N, C-alpha and C. Protein backbone atom coordinates (compact mmCIF):
# COMPACT_ATOMS: atom_id res chain seq x y z
N MET A 1 -181.57 -55.28 21.16
CA MET A 1 -180.25 -55.06 21.61
C MET A 1 -180.68 -53.53 22.62
N ALA A 2 -181.43 -52.76 22.32
CA ALA A 2 -181.46 -51.54 23.49
C ALA A 2 -182.23 -52.17 24.47
N GLN A 3 -182.71 -53.38 24.65
CA GLN A 3 -182.74 -53.71 25.74
C GLN A 3 -181.87 -54.32 26.63
N ALA A 4 -181.29 -54.74 26.11
CA ALA A 4 -180.09 -55.27 26.76
C ALA A 4 -178.86 -54.33 27.72
N LYS A 5 -179.15 -53.15 26.39
CA LYS A 5 -177.88 -51.83 27.19
C LYS A 5 -178.77 -51.48 28.31
N LYS A 6 -180.33 -51.43 28.28
CA LYS A 6 -180.66 -50.88 29.70
C LYS A 6 -180.74 -51.85 30.47
N ILE A 7 -181.01 -53.20 30.59
CA ILE A 7 -180.35 -54.11 31.63
C ILE A 7 -178.77 -53.89 32.10
N GLY A 8 -178.28 -53.97 31.23
CA GLY A 8 -176.85 -53.95 31.30
C GLY A 8 -176.28 -52.39 32.40
N ILE A 9 -177.26 -51.31 32.14
CA ILE A 9 -176.79 -50.22 32.78
C ILE A 9 -177.58 -50.32 34.39
N VAL A 10 -179.04 -50.87 34.22
CA VAL A 10 -179.20 -51.12 35.36
C VAL A 10 -178.56 -52.20 36.62
N LEU A 11 -177.83 -52.77 35.88
CA LEU A 11 -176.85 -54.38 36.77
C LEU A 11 -175.61 -52.84 37.09
N VAL A 12 -175.08 -52.40 36.34
CA VAL A 12 -173.95 -51.23 36.99
C VAL A 12 -174.49 -50.65 38.00
N LEU A 13 -175.63 -49.90 38.16
CA LEU A 13 -176.10 -49.07 38.64
C LEU A 13 -176.31 -49.85 40.34
N VAL A 14 -176.67 -50.83 40.02
CA VAL A 14 -177.13 -51.77 41.20
C VAL A 14 -176.12 -52.17 41.96
N PHE A 15 -174.89 -52.28 41.10
CA PHE A 15 -173.81 -52.93 41.73
C PHE A 15 -173.07 -51.75 42.42
N VAL A 16 -173.07 -50.32 41.67
CA VAL A 16 -172.24 -49.25 42.32
C VAL A 16 -173.09 -48.47 43.66
N LEU A 17 -174.12 -48.77 43.65
CA LEU A 17 -174.96 -48.62 44.88
C LEU A 17 -174.75 -49.54 45.66
N TYR A 18 -174.58 -50.68 45.57
CA TYR A 18 -174.21 -51.77 46.44
C TYR A 18 -172.90 -51.54 46.99
N SER A 19 -172.17 -51.29 46.25
CA SER A 19 -170.81 -51.07 46.65
C SER A 19 -170.66 -50.06 47.71
N ILE A 20 -171.53 -48.64 47.16
CA ILE A 20 -171.16 -47.55 48.06
C ILE A 20 -171.86 -47.94 49.79
N ILE A 21 -173.16 -48.97 49.58
CA ILE A 21 -173.79 -48.83 50.96
C ILE A 21 -173.17 -49.67 51.55
N THR A 22 -172.24 -50.88 51.21
CA THR A 22 -171.94 -51.93 51.88
C THR A 22 -170.46 -51.40 51.97
N SER A 23 -169.81 -50.58 51.52
CA SER A 23 -167.75 -49.81 52.08
C SER A 23 -168.20 -48.72 51.24
N PRO A 24 -168.59 -47.82 52.41
CA PRO A 24 -168.53 -46.15 51.97
C PRO A 24 -167.38 -45.99 51.96
N SER A 25 -166.13 -46.15 53.02
CA SER A 25 -165.27 -45.76 52.96
C SER A 25 -163.97 -46.01 51.85
N ARG A 26 -164.30 -47.16 51.36
CA ARG A 26 -163.67 -47.82 50.19
C ARG A 26 -164.07 -46.91 48.53
N SER A 27 -165.22 -46.64 48.68
CA SER A 27 -165.83 -45.81 47.78
C SER A 27 -165.55 -44.52 47.43
N ALA A 28 -165.30 -43.65 49.27
CA ALA A 28 -165.24 -42.69 48.99
C ALA A 28 -163.38 -42.41 48.44
N GLU A 29 -162.44 -43.46 49.11
CA GLU A 29 -161.30 -43.85 48.23
C GLU A 29 -161.22 -43.86 46.42
N LEU A 30 -161.92 -44.73 46.74
CA LEU A 30 -161.91 -44.35 44.83
C LEU A 30 -162.28 -43.38 43.97
N VAL A 31 -163.33 -42.94 44.81
CA VAL A 31 -163.39 -41.62 44.11
C VAL A 31 -162.91 -40.56 44.01
N GLN A 32 -162.05 -40.20 45.33
CA GLN A 32 -160.69 -39.87 45.15
C GLN A 32 -159.13 -39.69 44.37
N LEU A 33 -159.35 -41.13 44.38
CA LEU A 33 -158.45 -41.34 43.39
C LEU A 33 -158.61 -41.01 42.01
N GLY A 34 -159.94 -41.19 41.34
CA GLY A 34 -160.42 -40.82 40.17
C GLY A 34 -160.26 -39.54 40.19
N PHE A 35 -160.78 -38.63 40.87
CA PHE A 35 -160.49 -37.24 40.80
C PHE A 35 -159.10 -36.79 40.85
N GLU A 36 -158.26 -37.87 41.65
CA GLU A 36 -156.88 -36.96 41.80
C GLU A 36 -156.13 -37.56 40.39
N GLY A 37 -156.93 -38.92 39.53
CA GLY A 37 -156.33 -39.04 37.98
C GLY A 37 -156.81 -38.11 37.18
N ILE A 38 -157.68 -37.80 37.31
CA ILE A 38 -158.22 -36.57 36.25
C ILE A 38 -157.62 -35.31 36.63
N SER A 39 -157.48 -34.93 37.63
CA SER A 39 -156.28 -33.69 38.08
C SER A 39 -155.25 -34.03 37.31
N ASN A 40 -154.14 -34.95 37.82
CA ASN A 40 -153.05 -34.75 37.36
C ASN A 40 -152.79 -35.20 35.80
N ALA A 41 -154.11 -35.79 34.96
CA ALA A 41 -154.43 -35.28 33.63
C ALA A 41 -154.26 -34.31 32.99
N ALA A 42 -154.98 -33.64 33.54
CA ALA A 42 -155.21 -31.96 33.48
C ALA A 42 -153.89 -31.33 33.69
N LYS A 43 -153.35 -31.72 34.51
CA LYS A 43 -152.13 -30.68 34.65
C LYS A 43 -151.00 -31.14 33.66
N ALA A 44 -150.70 -32.54 33.09
CA ALA A 44 -150.04 -33.13 32.39
C ALA A 44 -150.59 -32.41 31.07
N VAL A 45 -151.95 -32.45 30.89
CA VAL A 45 -152.03 -31.41 29.04
C VAL A 45 -151.67 -30.13 29.29
N GLY A 46 -151.95 -29.59 30.32
CA GLY A 46 -151.22 -28.05 30.55
C GLY A 46 -149.56 -27.74 30.70
N THR A 47 -149.16 -28.80 31.25
CA THR A 47 -147.72 -28.91 30.86
C THR A 47 -147.45 -28.99 29.59
N PHE A 48 -148.10 -29.91 28.76
CA PHE A 48 -147.56 -30.33 27.41
C PHE A 48 -147.70 -29.05 26.54
N MET A 49 -148.91 -28.29 26.65
CA MET A 49 -149.34 -27.34 25.88
C MET A 49 -148.24 -26.05 25.94
N THR A 50 -147.93 -25.92 27.17
CA THR A 50 -147.06 -24.72 27.78
C THR A 50 -145.96 -25.10 26.61
N GLY A 51 -145.38 -26.52 27.44
CA GLY A 51 -144.22 -27.05 26.25
C GLY A 51 -144.43 -26.35 25.10
N LEU A 52 -145.44 -26.77 24.02
CA LEU A 52 -145.36 -26.63 22.97
C LEU A 52 -145.41 -25.07 21.91
N ILE A 53 -145.82 -24.25 23.77
CA ILE A 53 -145.73 -22.31 23.14
C ILE A 53 -144.29 -22.17 23.37
N LYS A 54 -143.78 -22.49 24.11
CA LYS A 54 -142.72 -21.96 24.59
C LYS A 54 -141.43 -22.34 23.29
């Protein structure tokens, strides 16, 4: 089972590297979208917590 997990991780890393090398602009867009999503989620949590305090 551990061997299958290692193979899966290596395959994912190879795919990510291939994607970055073949289309760096699209990869950058996806990373930016990911960070924007995390930022929006953090803001939403902050707004929710502020609402609980008031």
